[in-house]
Amino acid sequence: MKTDIKIIGFPDHEGVQNVGGRIGAGKGPFSFEIFFKKLNGDKNFQELKNQINHIEFEGLNLEEKHQKVVEIISKTTQDNSPTIAVGGGHDFIYSYTKGIAQNKKVSVINIDPHLDMRPYEECFTSGSPFRRLINEDVLDTQNLVEYGIQTQANAPELFSYAEENSVDIVNYSKISEQNFIQLFEEKLNKLSESSDEVILSLDLDMIQAAFAPGVSAPAVEGFSPEQVRKLIEKAHEFPKVKHLGIFELNPVLDIDDRTARLAAYLAYHFIMN
């Protein structure tokens, strides 16, 4: 069990709103906390689940929010603590990664149907974080893997940008029940060799909408909760996978709290395995 893990909420969906998405993810961290606290575990877990901290963003514009996250995450990870980030829009993988990168050479494996490499010149969005991380030289392209990308969910120019920057993409169409763990393991081996710490980023819309309806952009096709749990278990075999991001939890659109319960369940397995 990761007894020293820090759990931090990013309660904001302005980046989702900027890209025309369905808003509500700003309430995600609070919904996560409700169901995370309902989980059982040993004494250490009982103490841990009452130590979730939500960042206060009132009165800040989006750029100021991200700068605040960078500062808090940089300070939080100075002592090598593992972390879980709960969103909030997926734009916060930008400042989450940048904060950790203040202290370590970091890599990201993003499980997501979307590349999240949209332009951000007019305004920063939840569809822009990896383009910005690359353009600002925070994240070397050899230290990014996009896992589970769906062609129909991305504009052609985004694939062109990814190809021009030699981004490693694992298309969902190439993933099967037989090979999804093997492919994931291969990518974690690669990232572990090229960085000090690895972030596992879960955009919850990578899970089939039947299991995760409470997201900003639900997916017709995607991973099952069992598959994602197995990916997390595989990640535990790699000591450098120290950080987990769970993004796009939208309780406003949830059904029977399925998505919030699932987010809490996935965080639990990251901590306990």
C-alpha atoms as a PDB file:
ATOM      1  CA  MET A   1       0.000   0.000   0.000  1.00  0.00           C
ATOM      2  CA  LYS A   2       1.185   3.526  -0.829  1.00  0.00           C
ATOM      3  CA  THR A   3       0.816   4.939   2.693  1.00  0.00           C
ATOM      4  CA  ASP A   4       2.568   8.206   1.797  1.00  0.00           C
ATOM      5  CA  ILE A   5       0.393   9.002  -1.213  1.00  0.00           C
ATOM      6  CA  LYS A   6      -1.131  12.473  -1.596  1.00  0.00           C
ATOM      7  CA  ILE A   7      -4.621  12.806  -3.133  1.00  0.00           C
ATOM      8  CA  ILE A   8      -5.439  16.180  -4.666  1.00  0.00           C
ATOM      9  CA  GLY A   9      -8.641  17.403  -6.323  1.00  0.00           C
ATOM     10  CA  PHE A  10      -8.768  19.880  -9.221  1.00  0.00           C
ATOM     11  CA  PRO A  11     -12.406  21.073  -9.101  1.00  0.00           C
ATOM     12  CA  ASP A  12     -12.673  22.987 -12.363  1.00  0.00           C
ATOM     13  CA  HIS A  13     -14.159  22.526 -15.828  1.00  0.00           C
ATOM     14  CA  GLU A  14     -13.344  25.811 -17.554  1.00  0.00           C
ATOM     15  CA  GLY A  15     -11.089  23.995 -20.027  1.00  0.00           C
ATOM     16  CA  VAL A  16     -13.967  21.662 -20.908  1.00  0.00           C
ATOM     17  CA  GLN A  17     -16.252  24.648 -21.415  1.00  0.00           C
ATOM     18  CA  ASN A  18     -13.648  26.306 -23.663  1.00  0.00           C
ATOM     19  CA  VAL A  19     -13.706  23.354 -26.057  1.00  0.00           C
ATOM     20  CA  GLY A  20     -17.510  23.192 -26.138  1.00  0.00           C
ATOM     21  CA  GLY A  21     -17.761  20.126 -23.913  1.00  0.00           C
ATOM     22  CA  ARG A  22     -20.482  19.211 -21.438  1.00  0.00           C
ATOM     23  CA  ILE A  23     -19.684  20.992 -18.203  1.00  0.00           C
ATOM     24  CA  GLY A  24     -19.956  19.528 -14.717  1.00  0.00           C
ATOM     25  CA  ALA A  25     -16.493  18.032 -14.142  1.00  0.00           C
ATOM     26  CA  GLY A  26     -15.726  20.833 -11.703  1.00  0.00           C
ATOM     27  CA  LYS A  27     -17.791  18.844  -9.203  1.00  0.00           C
ATOM     28  CA  GLY A  28     -15.926  15.621  -9.978  1.00  0.00           C
ATOM     29  CA  PRO A  29     -13.395  15.650  -7.122  1.00  0.00           C
ATOM     30  CA  PHE A  30     -16.146  16.087  -4.521  1.00  0.00           C
ATOM     31  CA  SER A  31     -18.198  13.222  -5.968  1.00  0.00           C
ATOM     32  CA  PHE A  32     -15.055  11.076  -6.019  1.00  0.00           C
ATOM     33  CA  GLU A  33     -14.390  11.871  -2.373  1.00  0.00           C
ATOM     34  CA  ILE A  34     -17.886  10.753  -1.297  1.00  0.00           C
ATOM     35  CA  PHE A  35     -17.454   7.285  -2.752  1.00  0.00           C
ATOM     36  CA  PHE A  36     -13.769   6.956  -1.977  1.00  0.00           C
ATOM     37  CA  LYS A  37     -14.594   7.421   1.705  1.00  0.00           C
ATOM     38  CA  LYS A  38     -17.141   4.592   1.518  1.00  0.00           C
ATOM     39  CA  LEU A  39     -14.425   2.078   0.623  1.00  0.00           C
ATOM     40  CA  ASN A  40     -12.982  -0.237   3.245  1.00  0.00           C
ATOM     41  CA  GLY A  41      -9.390  -1.159   3.898  1.00  0.00           C
ATOM     42  CA  ASP A  42      -6.848  -1.536   6.676  1.00  0.00           C
ATOM     43  CA  LYS A  43      -6.131   1.096   9.338  1.00  0.00           C
ATOM     44  CA  ASN A  44      -3.656   2.928   7.095  1.00  0.00           C
ATOM     45  CA  PHE A  45      -6.238   3.219   4.341  1.00  0.00           C
ATOM     46  CA  GLN A  46      -8.874   4.431   6.774  1.00  0.00           C
ATOM     47  CA  GLU A  47      -6.551   7.276   7.739  1.00  0.00           C
ATOM     48  CA  LEU A  48      -5.569   8.014   4.150  1.00  0.00           C
ATOM     49  CA  LYS A  49      -9.074   8.332   2.765  1.00  0.00           C
ATOM     50  CA  ASN A  50      -9.771  11.303   5.020  1.00  0.00           C
ATOM     51  CA  GLN A  51      -6.788  13.279   3.701  1.00  0.00           C
ATOM     52  CA  ILE A  52      -8.016  14.426   0.286  1.00  0.00           C
ATOM     53  CA  ASN A  53      -7.147  18.042  -0.483  1.00  0.00           C
ATOM     54  CA  HIS A  54      -9.036  20.094  -3.069  1.00  0.00           C
ATOM     55  CA  ILE A  55      -7.305  23.098  -4.633  1.00  0.00           C
ATOM     56  CA  GLU A  56      -9.207  26.368  -4.258  1.00  0.00           C
ATOM     57  CA  PHE A  57      -9.595  28.214  -7.583  1.00  0.00           C
ATOM     58  CA  GLU A  58     -12.100  30.941  -6.711  1.00  0.00           C
ATOM     59  CA  GLY A  59     -11.355  34.268  -8.385  1.00  0.00           C
ATOM     60  CA  LEU A  60      -8.641  32.894 -10.703  1.00  0.00           C
ATOM     61  CA  ASN A  61      -8.654  32.763 -14.486  1.00  0.00           C
ATOM     62  CA  LEU A  62      -7.694  29.499 -16.193  1.00  0.00           C
ATOM     63  CA  GLU A  63      -4.014  30.377 -16.627  1.00  0.00           C
ATOM     64  CA  GLU A  64      -3.790  31.333 -12.958  1.00  0.00           C
ATOM     65  CA  LYS A  65      -5.457  28.073 -11.964  1.00  0.00           C
ATOM     66  CA  HIS A  66      -2.863  26.080 -13.848  1.00  0.00           C
ATOM     67  CA  GLN A  67       0.000  28.095 -12.424  1.00  0.00           C
ATOM     68  CA  LYS A  68      -1.334  27.416  -8.931  1.00  0.00           C
ATOM     69  CA  VAL A  69      -1.464  23.681  -9.680  1.00  0.00           C
ATOM     70  CA  VAL A  70       2.127  23.721 -10.944  1.00  0.00           C
ATOM     71  CA  GLU A  71       3.301  25.362  -7.715  1.00  0.00           C
ATOM     72  CA  ILE A  72       1.323  23.040  -5.424  1.00  0.00           C
ATOM     73  CA  ILE A  73       2.285  19.839  -7.249  1.00  0.00           C
ATOM     74  CA  SER A  74       5.943  20.867  -7.428  1.00  0.00           C
ATOM     75  CA  LYS A  75       5.995  21.414  -3.678  1.00  0.00           C
ATOM     76  CA  THR A  76       4.013  18.231  -2.982  1.00  0.00           C
ATOM     77  CA  THR A  77       6.373  16.007  -4.977  1.00  0.00           C
ATOM     78  CA  GLN A  78       9.650  17.461  -3.716  1.00  0.00           C
ATOM     79  CA  ASP A  79       9.872  14.657  -1.152  1.00  0.00           C
ATOM     80  CA  ASN A  80       9.228  11.959  -3.817  1.00  0.00           C
ATOM     81  CA  SER A  81       5.670  11.347  -2.611  1.00  0.00           C
ATOM     82  CA  PRO A  82       3.382   9.434  -4.986  1.00  0.00           C
ATOM     83  CA  THR A  83       0.198  11.297  -5.886  1.00  0.00           C
ATOM     84  CA  ILE A  84      -3.315  10.882  -7.225  1.00  0.00           C
ATOM     85  CA  ALA A  85      -4.889  13.826  -9.068  1.00  0.00           C
ATOM     86  CA  VAL A  86      -8.667  13.905  -9.497  1.00  0.00           C
ATOM     87  CA  GLY A  87     -10.335  16.256 -11.983  1.00  0.00           C
ATOM     88  CA  GLY A  88     -11.812  18.276 -13.238  1.00  0.00           C
ATOM     89  CA  GLY A  89     -11.038  18.729 -16.927  1.00  0.00           C
ATOM     90  CA  HIS A  90      -8.209  16.836 -18.602  1.00  0.00           C
ATOM     91  CA  ASP A  91      -6.419  20.132 -19.223  1.00  0.00           C
ATOM     92  CA  PHE A  92      -5.075  19.662 -15.695  1.00  0.00           C
ATOM     93  CA  ILE A  93      -2.787  16.861 -16.859  1.00  0.00           C
ATOM     94  CA  TYR A  94      -0.769  19.798 -18.234  1.00  0.00           C
ATOM     95  CA  SER A  95      -0.116  21.532 -14.922  1.00  0.00           C
ATOM     96  CA  TYR A  96       0.012  18.221 -13.017  1.00  0.00           C
ATOM     97  CA  THR A  97       2.792  16.988 -15.311  1.00  0.00           C
ATOM     98  CA  LYS A  98       4.563  20.345 -15.303  1.00  0.00           C
ATOM     99  CA  GLY A  99       4.539  20.436 -11.516  1.00  0.00           C
ATOM    100  CA  ILE A 100       6.127  17.004 -11.191  1.00  0.00           C
ATOM    101  CA  ALA A 101       8.597  17.882 -13.952  1.00  0.00           C
ATOM    102  CA  GLN A 102       9.988  20.705 -11.783  1.00  0.00           C
ATOM    103  CA  ASN A 103      11.733  18.020  -9.730  1.00  0.00           C
ATOM    104  CA  LYS A 104      12.024  14.965 -12.007  1.00  0.00           C
ATOM    105  CA  LYS A 105      12.287  13.882 -15.620  1.00  0.00           C
ATOM    106  CA  VAL A 106       8.744  12.698 -16.126  1.00  0.00           C
ATOM    107  CA  SER A 107       6.821  10.655 -18.690  1.00  0.00           C
ATOM    108  CA  VAL A 108       3.108  10.095 -19.285  1.00  0.00           C
ATOM    109  CA  ILE A 109       1.065   7.174 -20.556  1.00  0.00           C
ATOM    110  CA  ASN A 110      -2.360   8.551 -21.409  1.00  0.00           C
ATOM    111  CA  ILE A 111      -5.253   6.089 -21.672  1.00  0.00           C
ATOM    112  CA  ASP A 112      -7.772   7.998 -23.717  1.00  0.00           C
ATOM    113  CA  PRO A 113      -9.711   7.841 -27.004  1.00  0.00           C
ATOM    114  CA  HIS A 114      -8.577  11.432 -27.667  1.00  0.00           C
ATOM    115  CA  LEU A 115      -5.091  12.712 -28.451  1.00  0.00           C
ATOM    116  CA  ASP A 116      -5.765  16.000 -26.597  1.00  0.00           C
ATOM    117  CA  MET A 117      -3.414  17.864 -28.936  1.00  0.00           C
ATOM    118  CA  ARG A 118      -5.697  20.655 -30.130  1.00  0.00           C
ATOM    119  CA  PRO A 119      -4.289  24.135 -30.744  1.00  0.00           C
ATOM    120  CA  TYR A 120      -4.572  26.462 -27.740  1.00  0.00           C
ATOM    121  CA  GLU A 121      -3.581  29.862 -29.129  1.00  0.00           C
ATOM    122  CA  GLU A 122      -7.062  31.386 -28.687  1.00  0.00           C
ATOM    123  CA  CYS A 123      -7.724  29.700 -25.347  1.00  0.00           C
ATOM    124  CA  PHE A 124      -6.475  26.706 -23.426  1.00  0.00           C
ATOM    125  CA  THR A 125      -8.864  23.733 -23.400  1.00  0.00           C
ATOM    126  CA  SER A 126      -9.239  20.214 -22.036  1.00  0.00           C
ATOM    127  CA  GLY A 127      -8.356  19.056 -25.556  1.00  0.00           C
ATOM    128  CA  SER A 128      -4.984  20.846 -25.618  1.00  0.00           C
ATOM    129  CA  PRO A 129      -2.727  19.664 -22.759  1.00  0.00           C
ATOM    130  CA  PHE A 130      -0.289  17.395 -24.568  1.00  0.00           C
ATOM    131  CA  ARG A 131       0.295  19.835 -27.423  1.00  0.00           C
ATOM    132  CA  ARG A 132       1.173  22.484 -24.863  1.00  0.00           C
ATOM    133  CA  LEU A 133       3.434  20.169 -22.861  1.00  0.00           C
ATOM    134  CA  ILE A 134       5.310  19.310 -26.065  1.00  0.00           C
ATOM    135  CA  ASN A 135       5.498  22.887 -27.366  1.00  0.00           C
ATOM    136  CA  GLU A 136       6.812  24.174 -24.036  1.00  0.00           C
ATOM    137  CA  ASP A 137       9.430  21.386 -23.875  1.00  0.00           C
ATOM    138  CA  VAL A 138       8.030  20.157 -20.578  1.00  0.00           C
ATOM    139  CA  LEU A 139       7.462  16.688 -22.026  1.00  0.00           C
ATOM    140  CA  ASP A 140       9.757  15.112 -24.572  1.00  0.00           C
ATOM    141  CA  THR A 141       7.758  13.234 -27.207  1.00  0.00           C
ATOM    142  CA  GLN A 142       9.719  10.054 -26.444  1.00  0.00           C
ATOM    143  CA  ASN A 143       8.208  10.298 -22.949  1.00  0.00           C
ATOM    144  CA  LEU A 144       4.575  10.305 -24.069  1.00  0.00           C
ATOM    145  CA  VAL A 145       2.444   7.323 -25.035  1.00  0.00           C
ATOM    146  CA  GLU A 146      -1.144   7.778 -26.218  1.00  0.00           C
ATOM    147  CA  TYR A 147      -2.850   4.452 -25.464  1.00  0.00           C
ATOM    148  CA  GLY A 148      -6.288   3.512 -26.805  1.00  0.00           C
ATOM    149  CA  ILE A 149      -6.689   6.355 -29.293  1.00  0.00           C
ATOM    150  CA  GLN A 150      -9.800   6.106 -31.488  1.00  0.00           C
ATOM    151  CA  THR A 151      -9.564   7.453 -35.036  1.00  0.00           C
ATOM    152  CA  GLN A 152     -13.168   8.658 -35.223  1.00  0.00           C
ATOM    153  CA  ALA A 153     -12.664  10.741 -32.053  1.00  0.00           C
ATOM    154  CA  ASN A 154      -9.850  12.924 -33.436  1.00  0.00           C
ATOM    155  CA  ALA A 155      -9.530  15.387 -36.302  1.00  0.00           C
ATOM    156  CA  PRO A 156      -7.014  14.388 -39.036  1.00  0.00           C
ATOM    157  CA  GLU A 157      -4.814  17.412 -38.322  1.00  0.00           C
ATOM    158  CA  LEU A 158      -4.252  16.159 -34.771  1.00  0.00           C
ATOM    159  CA  PHE A 159      -2.849  12.896 -36.095  1.00  0.00           C
ATOM    160  CA  SER A 160      -0.647  14.974 -38.424  1.00  0.00           C
ATOM    161  CA  TYR A 161       0.677  16.968 -35.461  1.00  0.00           C
ATOM    162  CA  ALA A 162       1.326  13.758 -33.516  1.00  0.00           C
ATOM    163  CA  GLU A 163       3.119  12.188 -36.484  1.00  0.00           C
ATOM    164  CA  GLU A 164       5.249  15.290 -37.068  1.00  0.00           C
ATOM    165  CA  ASN A 165       6.348  15.107 -33.436  1.00  0.00           C
ATOM    166  CA  SER A 166       6.893  11.314 -33.437  1.00  0.00           C
ATOM    167  CA  VAL A 167       4.360  10.707 -30.682  1.00  0.00           C
ATOM    168  CA  ASP A 168       3.902   7.024 -29.822  1.00  0.00           C
ATOM    169  CA  ILE A 169       0.248   6.124 -30.474  1.00  0.00           C
ATOM    170  CA  VAL A 170      -1.408   2.802 -29.707  1.00  0.00           C
ATOM    171  CA  ASN A 171      -4.687   2.777 -31.625  1.00  0.00           C
ATOM    172  CA  TYR A 172      -7.681   1.226 -29.927  1.00  0.00           C
ATOM    173  CA  SER A 173      -8.353  -0.779 -33.093  1.00  0.00           C
ATOM    174  CA  LYS A 174      -5.022  -2.573 -32.569  1.00  0.00           C
ATOM    175  CA  ILE A 175      -5.832  -3.540 -28.987  1.00  0.00           C
ATOM    176  CA  SER A 176      -7.486  -6.869 -28.225  1.00  0.00           C
ATOM    177  CA  GLU A 177      -8.455  -8.858 -25.151  1.00  0.00           C
ATOM    178  CA  GLN A 178      -5.378 -10.985 -25.788  1.00  0.00           C
ATOM    179  CA  ASN A 179      -2.745  -8.263 -26.225  1.00  0.00           C
ATOM    180  CA  PHE A 180      -3.822  -5.203 -24.194  1.00  0.00           C
ATOM    181  CA  ILE A 181      -1.652  -6.060 -21.194  1.00  0.00           C
ATOM    182  CA  GLN A 182       1.361  -6.965 -23.322  1.00  0.00           C
ATOM    183  CA  LEU A 183       1.188  -3.716 -25.304  1.00  0.00           C
ATOM    184  CA  PHE A 184       0.789  -1.721 -22.104  1.00  0.00           C
ATOM    185  CA  GLU A 185       3.768  -3.463 -20.500  1.00  0.00           C
ATOM    186  CA  GLU A 186       5.936  -2.733 -23.531  1.00  0.00           C
ATOM    187  CA  LYS A 187       5.128   0.965 -23.308  1.00  0.00           C
ATOM    188  CA  LEU A 188       5.756   1.111 -19.555  1.00  0.00           C
ATOM    189  CA  ASN A 189       9.154  -0.524 -20.089  1.00  0.00           C
ATOM    190  CA  LYS A 190      10.003   2.158 -22.631  1.00  0.00           C
ATOM    191  CA  LEU A 191       8.872   5.051 -20.421  1.00  0.00           C
ATOM    192  CA  SER A 192      10.603   3.665 -17.338  1.00  0.00           C
ATOM    193  CA  GLU A 193      13.890   3.580 -19.219  1.00  0.00           C
ATOM    194  CA  SER A 194      13.629   7.177 -20.423  1.00  0.00           C
ATOM    195  CA  SER A 195      12.390   8.979 -17.284  1.00  0.00           C
ATOM    196  CA  ASP A 196      12.606   9.181 -13.511  1.00  0.00           C
ATOM    197  CA  GLU A 197       8.866   8.931 -12.829  1.00  0.00           C
ATOM    198  CA  VAL A 198       5.821   7.903 -14.834  1.00  0.00           C
ATOM    199  CA  ILE A 199       2.314   9.377 -14.695  1.00  0.00           C
ATOM    200  CA  LEU A 200      -0.609   7.114 -15.567  1.00  0.00           C
ATOM    201  CA  SER A 201      -3.329   9.421 -16.888  1.00  0.00           C
ATOM    202  CA  LEU A 202      -6.887   8.095 -17.099  1.00  0.00           C
ATOM    203  CA  ASP A 203      -9.404  10.170 -19.017  1.00  0.00           C
ATOM    204  CA  LEU A 204     -12.568   8.398 -17.883  1.00  0.00           C
ATOM    205  CA  ASP A 205     -14.130   8.632 -21.333  1.00  0.00           C
ATOM    206  CA  MET A 206     -11.779   5.805 -22.336  1.00  0.00           C
ATOM    207  CA  ILE A 207     -14.239   3.488 -20.552  1.00  0.00           C
ATOM    208  CA  GLN A 208     -17.402   2.335 -22.307  1.00  0.00           C
ATOM    209  CA  ALA A 209     -20.253   4.740 -21.612  1.00  0.00           C
ATOM    210  CA  ALA A 210     -22.372   1.933 -20.151  1.00  0.00           C
ATOM    211  CA  PHE A 211     -19.898   1.786 -17.254  1.00  0.00           C
ATOM    212  CA  ALA A 212     -18.901   5.467 -17.191  1.00  0.00           C
ATOM    213  CA  PRO A 213     -21.764   7.702 -18.326  1.00  0.00           C
ATOM    214  CA  GLY A 214     -20.692  10.630 -16.139  1.00  0.00           C
ATOM    215  CA  VAL A 215     -17.952  12.073 -18.347  1.00  0.00           C
ATOM    216  CA  SER A 216     -17.622  15.115 -20.558  1.00  0.00           C
ATOM    217  CA  ALA A 217     -17.443  13.106 -23.816  1.00  0.00           C
ATOM    218  CA  PRO A 218     -18.889   9.559 -23.437  1.00  0.00           C
ATOM    219  CA  ALA A 219     -17.533   6.775 -25.646  1.00  0.00           C
ATOM    220  CA  VAL A 220     -19.605   4.173 -27.474  1.00  0.00           C
ATOM    221  CA  GLU A 221     -16.640   1.816 -27.506  1.00  0.00           C
ATOM    222  CA  GLY A 222     -13.876   1.575 -24.966  1.00  0.00           C
ATOM    223  CA  PHE A 223     -12.238  -0.343 -22.142  1.00  0.00           C
ATOM    224  CA  SER A 224     -14.131  -2.204 -19.439  1.00  0.00           C
ATOM    225  CA  PRO A 225     -13.557  -1.502 -15.735  1.00  0.00           C
ATOM    226  CA  GLU A 226     -11.909  -4.921 -15.406  1.00  0.00           C
ATOM    227  CA  GLN A 227      -9.433  -4.140 -18.173  1.00  0.00           C
ATOM    228  CA  VAL A 228      -8.483  -0.827 -16.589  1.00  0.00           C
ATOM    229  CA  ARG A 229      -8.038  -2.504 -13.209  1.00  0.00           C
ATOM    230  CA  LYS A 230      -5.685  -5.021 -14.854  1.00  0.00           C
ATOM    231  CA  LEU A 231      -3.720  -2.180 -16.445  1.00  0.00           C
ATOM    232  CA  ILE A 232      -3.336  -0.550 -13.022  1.00  0.00           C
ATOM    233  CA  GLU A 233      -2.181  -3.877 -11.566  1.00  0.00           C
ATOM    234  CA  LYS A 234       0.395  -4.171 -14.334  1.00  0.00           C
ATOM    235  CA  ALA A 235       1.547  -0.610 -13.674  1.00  0.00           C
ATOM    236  CA  HIS A 236       2.253  -1.641 -10.068  1.00  0.00           C
ATOM    237  CA  GLU A 237       5.053  -3.853 -11.337  1.00  0.00           C
ATOM    238  CA  PHE A 238       6.918  -0.710 -12.387  1.00  0.00           C
ATOM    239  CA  PRO A 239       8.325   1.264  -9.421  1.00  0.00           C
ATOM    240  CA  LYS A 240       8.575   4.432 -11.503  1.00  0.00           C
ATOM    241  CA  VAL A 241       4.783   4.594 -11.991  1.00  0.00           C
ATOM    242  CA  LYS A 242       4.273   6.862  -8.985  1.00  0.00           C
ATOM    243  CA  HIS A 243       1.417   9.081 -10.093  1.00  0.00           C
ATOM    244  CA  LEU A 244      -2.170   8.579 -11.214  1.00  0.00           C
ATOM    245  CA  GLY A 245      -4.431  11.177 -12.815  1.00  0.00           C
ATOM    246  CA  ILE A 246      -8.187  10.577 -13.037  1.00  0.00           C
ATOM    247  CA  PHE A 247      -9.919  13.183 -15.175  1.00  0.00           C
ATOM    248  CA  GLU A 248     -13.275  14.209 -16.638  1.00  0.00           C
ATOM    249  CA  LEU A 249     -15.477  12.789 -13.870  1.00  0.00           C
ATOM    250  CA  ASN A 250     -18.764  14.637 -14.391  1.00  0.00           C
ATOM    251  CA  PRO A 251     -21.300  13.874 -11.622  1.00  0.00           C
ATOM    252  CA  VAL A 252     -23.894  16.156 -13.229  1.00  0.00           C
ATOM    253  CA  LEU A 253     -24.212  13.589 -16.032  1.00  0.00           C
ATOM    254  CA  ASP A 254     -23.649  10.438 -13.977  1.00  0.00           C
ATOM    255  CA  ILE A 255     -26.221   7.653 -13.643  1.00  0.00           C
ATOM    256  CA  ASP A 256     -26.542   5.959 -10.234  1.00  0.00           C
ATOM    257  CA  ASP A 257     -23.098   7.398  -9.439  1.00  0.00           C
ATOM    258  CA  ARG A 258     -21.535   4.704 -11.625  1.00  0.00           C
ATOM    259  CA  THR A 259     -18.634   6.833 -12.798  1.00  0.00           C
ATOM    260  CA  ALA A 260     -17.819   8.272  -9.383  1.00  0.00           C
ATOM    261  CA  ARG A 261     -17.843   4.789  -7.849  1.00  0.00           C
ATOM    262  CA  LEU A 262     -15.606   3.541 -10.648  1.00  0.00           C
ATOM    263  CA  ALA A 263     -13.133   6.410 -10.224  1.00  0.00           C
ATOM    264  CA  ALA A 264     -12.898   5.652  -6.487  1.00  0.00           C
ATOM    265  CA  TYR A 265     -12.462   1.932  -7.237  1.00  0.00           C
ATOM    266  CA  LEU A 266      -9.583   2.592  -9.649  1.00  0.00           C
ATOM    267  CA  ALA A 267      -7.833   4.899  -7.185  1.00  0.00           C
ATOM    268  CA  TYR A 268      -8.225   2.245  -4.488  1.00  0.00           C
ATOM    269  CA  HIS A 269      -6.448  -0.345  -6.621  1.00  0.00           C
ATOM    270  CA  PHE A 270      -3.652   2.072  -7.433  1.00  0.00           C
ATOM    271  CA  ILE A 271      -3.079   2.606  -3.708  1.00  0.00           C
ATOM    272  CA  MET A 272      -3.584  -0.908  -2.368  1.00  0.00           C
ATOM    273  CA  ASN A 273      -1.977  -3.259  -4.894  1.00  0.00           C
END
